[in-house]
């Protein structure tokens, strides 16, 4: 089972096709970074993955949950934090996920490991407001 699988994910807003036939498979333990210009569909794809918005067509499975059929189960297993909400800019970057883990009674054991893997250990100690939001 893949940790994340998107097959031909498509999402439209009216006539605007925000995501067009995106296919990605990620195994457990792998990391993925979505990079692209503004309006490329990065946030839309993540919102579909987290179950925040419905997909237009395609199939999306996250942590063994179909985002359409297993909405409750998905909500219990994953979460997403977007730049517009849930961030405390005066806290050091690493404290933001710690605080959210505390709020939702989730383990914090991998937070520093993730900062280390993306080479942001030093940045994790600085206030979030000093970081780029892009």
C-alpha atoms as a PDB file:
ATOM      1  CA  UNK A   1       0.000   0.000   0.000  1.00  0.00           C
ATOM      2  CA  UNK A   2       1.288   3.476  -0.878  1.00  0.00           C
ATOM      3  CA  UNK A   3       1.245   6.183   1.792  1.00  0.00           C
ATOM      4  CA  UNK A   4      -0.177   8.536  -0.825  1.00  0.00           C
ATOM      5  CA  UNK A   5      -1.641   7.804  -4.220  1.00  0.00           C
ATOM      6  CA  UNK A   6      -3.255  10.228  -6.639  1.00  0.00           C
ATOM      7  CA  UNK A   7      -4.493   8.861  -9.927  1.00  0.00           C
ATOM      8  CA  UNK A   8      -5.593  11.390 -12.544  1.00  0.00           C
ATOM      9  CA  UNK A   9      -6.624  13.957  -9.927  1.00  0.00           C
ATOM     10  CA  UNK A  10      -8.561  16.769 -11.581  1.00  0.00           C
ATOM     11  CA  UNK A  11     -10.164  19.744  -9.864  1.00  0.00           C
ATOM     12  CA  UNK A  12     -12.019  22.565 -11.596  1.00  0.00           C
ATOM     13  CA  UNK A  13     -13.483  25.804 -10.285  1.00  0.00           C
ATOM     14  CA  UNK A  14     -15.993  26.828 -12.942  1.00  0.00           C
ATOM     15  CA  UNK A  15     -14.082  26.862 -16.223  1.00  0.00           C
ATOM     16  CA  UNK A  16     -10.689  27.090 -14.450  1.00  0.00           C
ATOM     17  CA  UNK A  17      -8.893  23.735 -14.263  1.00  0.00           C
ATOM     18  CA  UNK A  18      -6.793  24.128 -11.085  1.00  0.00           C
ATOM     19  CA  UNK A  19      -5.337  20.588 -11.187  1.00  0.00           C
ATOM     20  CA  UNK A  20      -5.283  18.524 -14.379  1.00  0.00           C
ATOM     21  CA  UNK A  21      -4.747  14.741 -14.325  1.00  0.00           C
ATOM     22  CA  UNK A  22      -2.128  14.735 -11.546  1.00  0.00           C
ATOM     23  CA  UNK A  23      -0.739  11.261 -10.793  1.00  0.00           C
ATOM     24  CA  UNK A  24       1.653  10.710  -7.867  1.00  0.00           C
ATOM     25  CA  UNK A  25       2.563   7.648  -5.800  1.00  0.00           C
ATOM     26  CA  UNK A  26       4.525   8.040  -2.561  1.00  0.00           C
ATOM     27  CA  UNK A  27       5.716   5.116  -0.436  1.00  0.00           C
ATOM     28  CA  UNK A  28       5.806   5.131   3.342  1.00  0.00           C
ATOM     29  CA  UNK A  29       8.875   7.065   4.548  1.00  0.00           C
ATOM     30  CA  UNK A  30       9.236   9.133   1.373  1.00  0.00           C
ATOM     31  CA  UNK A  31       8.807  12.916   1.217  1.00  0.00           C
ATOM     32  CA  UNK A  32       7.246  14.999  -1.511  1.00  0.00           C
ATOM     33  CA  UNK A  33       7.608  18.695  -2.208  1.00  0.00           C
ATOM     34  CA  UNK A  34       5.188  20.427  -4.553  1.00  0.00           C
ATOM     35  CA  UNK A  35       6.887  23.269  -6.373  1.00  0.00           C
ATOM     36  CA  UNK A  36       5.377  25.587  -8.944  1.00  0.00           C
ATOM     37  CA  UNK A  37       4.313  29.108  -9.771  1.00  0.00           C
ATOM     38  CA  UNK A  38       1.375  30.833  -8.112  1.00  0.00           C
ATOM     39  CA  UNK A  39      -1.867  29.364  -9.385  1.00  0.00           C
ATOM     40  CA  UNK A  40      -0.271  26.055 -10.443  1.00  0.00           C
ATOM     41  CA  UNK A  41      -2.631  24.031  -8.212  1.00  0.00           C
ATOM     42  CA  UNK A  42      -0.313  23.092  -5.322  1.00  0.00           C
ATOM     43  CA  UNK A  43      -2.639  24.248  -2.535  1.00  0.00           C
ATOM     44  CA  UNK A  44      -5.696  22.871  -4.323  1.00  0.00           C
ATOM     45  CA  UNK A  45      -4.063  19.425  -4.577  1.00  0.00           C
ATOM     46  CA  UNK A  46      -3.174  19.469  -0.873  1.00  0.00           C
ATOM     47  CA  UNK A  47      -6.698  20.571   0.085  1.00  0.00           C
ATOM     48  CA  UNK A  48      -8.085  17.600  -1.867  1.00  0.00           C
ATOM     49  CA  UNK A  49      -5.555  15.259  -0.174  1.00  0.00           C
ATOM     50  CA  UNK A  50      -6.622  16.477   3.264  1.00  0.00           C
ATOM     51  CA  UNK A  51     -10.294  16.087   2.376  1.00  0.00           C
ATOM     52  CA  UNK A  52     -11.012  19.810   2.703  1.00  0.00           C
ATOM     53  CA  UNK A  53     -12.455  20.100  -0.815  1.00  0.00           C
ATOM     54  CA  UNK A  54     -13.986  17.517  -3.152  1.00  0.00           C
ATOM     55  CA  UNK A  55     -12.112  16.296  -6.175  1.00  0.00           C
ATOM     56  CA  UNK A  56     -13.626  16.678  -9.634  1.00  0.00           C
ATOM     57  CA  UNK A  57     -12.394  13.349 -10.935  1.00  0.00           C
ATOM     58  CA  UNK A  58      -9.709  10.795 -10.241  1.00  0.00           C
ATOM     59  CA  UNK A  59      -8.865   8.688  -7.241  1.00  0.00           C
ATOM     60  CA  UNK A  60      -6.999   9.814  -4.116  1.00  0.00           C
ATOM     61  CA  UNK A  61      -5.847   7.550  -1.298  1.00  0.00           C
ATOM     62  CA  UNK A  62      -3.998   8.907   1.741  1.00  0.00           C
ATOM     63  CA  UNK A  63      -2.739   6.681   4.573  1.00  0.00           C
ATOM     64  CA  UNK A  64      -4.962   3.874   3.302  1.00  0.00           C
ATOM     65  CA  UNK A  65      -8.074   6.084   3.194  1.00  0.00           C
ATOM     66  CA  UNK A  66     -10.046   6.944   0.084  1.00  0.00           C
ATOM     67  CA  UNK A  67     -10.620  10.705   0.458  1.00  0.00           C
ATOM     68  CA  UNK A  68     -14.188  10.364  -0.833  1.00  0.00           C
ATOM     69  CA  UNK A  69     -15.354   7.159   0.880  1.00  0.00           C
ATOM     70  CA  UNK A  70     -13.348   7.271   4.144  1.00  0.00           C
ATOM     71  CA  UNK A  71     -13.664  10.940   5.154  1.00  0.00           C
ATOM     72  CA  UNK A  72     -13.985  10.286   8.917  1.00  0.00           C
ATOM     73  CA  UNK A  73     -11.085   7.829   8.970  1.00  0.00           C
ATOM     74  CA  UNK A  74      -8.943  10.266   6.947  1.00  0.00           C
ATOM     75  CA  UNK A  75      -9.655  13.097   9.385  1.00  0.00           C
ATOM     76  CA  UNK A  76      -8.407  10.928  12.264  1.00  0.00           C
ATOM     77  CA  UNK A  77      -5.133  10.078  10.485  1.00  0.00           C
ATOM     78  CA  UNK A  78      -3.897  13.269   8.827  1.00  0.00           C
ATOM     79  CA  UNK A  79      -4.002  17.026   9.058  1.00  0.00           C
ATOM     80  CA  UNK A  80      -2.740  19.987   7.093  1.00  0.00           C
ATOM     81  CA  UNK A  81      -1.744  23.465   8.188  1.00  0.00           C
ATOM     82  CA  UNK A  82      -2.062  26.216   5.607  1.00  0.00           C
ATOM     83  CA  UNK A  83      -0.330  29.573   5.828  1.00  0.00           C
ATOM     84  CA  UNK A  84      -3.589  31.493   6.282  1.00  0.00           C
ATOM     85  CA  UNK A  85      -4.551  29.738   9.474  1.00  0.00           C
ATOM     86  CA  UNK A  86      -3.220  27.906  12.492  1.00  0.00           C
ATOM     87  CA  UNK A  87       0.236  29.496  12.446  1.00  0.00           C
ATOM     88  CA  UNK A  88       1.740  31.532  15.254  1.00  0.00           C
ATOM     89  CA  UNK A  89       4.276  33.828  13.640  1.00  0.00           C
ATOM     90  CA  UNK A  90       6.001  34.885  16.860  1.00  0.00           C
ATOM     91  CA  UNK A  91       6.816  31.301  17.834  1.00  0.00           C
ATOM     92  CA  UNK A  92       9.898  29.570  16.465  1.00  0.00           C
ATOM     93  CA  UNK A  93       9.005  27.524  13.387  1.00  0.00           C
ATOM     94  CA  UNK A  94       9.439  24.195  15.221  1.00  0.00           C
ATOM     95  CA  UNK A  95       7.070  25.257  17.985  1.00  0.00           C
ATOM     96  CA  UNK A  96       4.128  25.548  15.590  1.00  0.00           C
ATOM     97  CA  UNK A  97       3.848  21.812  14.884  1.00  0.00           C
ATOM     98  CA  UNK A  98       4.619  21.077  18.566  1.00  0.00           C
ATOM     99  CA  UNK A  99       1.717  23.273  19.628  1.00  0.00           C
ATOM    100  CA  UNK A 100      -0.659  21.683  17.132  1.00  0.00           C
ATOM    101  CA  UNK A 101       0.418  18.197  18.225  1.00  0.00           C
ATOM    102  CA  UNK A 102      -0.273  19.190  21.827  1.00  0.00           C
ATOM    103  CA  UNK A 103      -3.728  20.526  20.879  1.00  0.00           C
ATOM    104  CA  UNK A 104      -4.706  17.327  19.084  1.00  0.00           C
ATOM    105  CA  UNK A 105      -2.868  14.875  21.353  1.00  0.00           C
ATOM    106  CA  UNK A 106      -0.490  13.708  18.612  1.00  0.00           C
ATOM    107  CA  UNK A 107       3.121  12.499  18.992  1.00  0.00           C
ATOM    108  CA  UNK A 108       5.886  15.052  18.437  1.00  0.00           C
ATOM    109  CA  UNK A 109       8.672  12.517  17.992  1.00  0.00           C
ATOM    110  CA  UNK A 110       9.347  13.180  14.279  1.00  0.00           C
ATOM    111  CA  UNK A 111       9.091  16.977  14.111  1.00  0.00           C
ATOM    112  CA  UNK A 112      12.811  17.709  14.521  1.00  0.00           C
ATOM    113  CA  UNK A 113      13.685  14.794  12.251  1.00  0.00           C
ATOM    114  CA  UNK A 114      11.638  16.380   9.473  1.00  0.00           C
ATOM    115  CA  UNK A 115      13.324  19.785   9.944  1.00  0.00           C
ATOM    116  CA  UNK A 116      16.692  17.997   9.805  1.00  0.00           C
ATOM    117  CA  UNK A 117      15.783  16.063   6.643  1.00  0.00           C
ATOM    118  CA  UNK A 118      14.774  19.210   4.775  1.00  0.00           C
ATOM    119  CA  UNK A 119      17.907  20.995   6.029  1.00  0.00           C
ATOM    120  CA  UNK A 120      15.993  23.581   8.054  1.00  0.00           C
ATOM    121  CA  UNK A 121      17.304  22.818  11.558  1.00  0.00           C
ATOM    122  CA  UNK A 122      18.656  26.335  12.066  1.00  0.00           C
ATOM    123  CA  UNK A 123      15.522  27.932  10.581  1.00  0.00           C
ATOM    124  CA  UNK A 124      13.346  25.864  12.960  1.00  0.00           C
ATOM    125  CA  UNK A 125      14.666  27.907  15.910  1.00  0.00           C
ATOM    126  CA  UNK A 126      13.786  31.316  14.402  1.00  0.00           C
ATOM    127  CA  UNK A 127      10.385  32.994  14.611  1.00  0.00           C
ATOM    128  CA  UNK A 128       8.093  31.823  11.848  1.00  0.00           C
ATOM    129  CA  UNK A 129       7.453  35.409  10.724  1.00  0.00           C
ATOM    130  CA  UNK A 130      11.071  35.544   9.446  1.00  0.00           C
ATOM    131  CA  UNK A 131      10.424  32.667   7.021  1.00  0.00           C
ATOM    132  CA  UNK A 132       9.108  32.817   3.485  1.00  0.00           C
ATOM    133  CA  UNK A 133       5.487  31.755   3.116  1.00  0.00           C
ATOM    134  CA  UNK A 134       5.936  30.574  -0.454  1.00  0.00           C
END
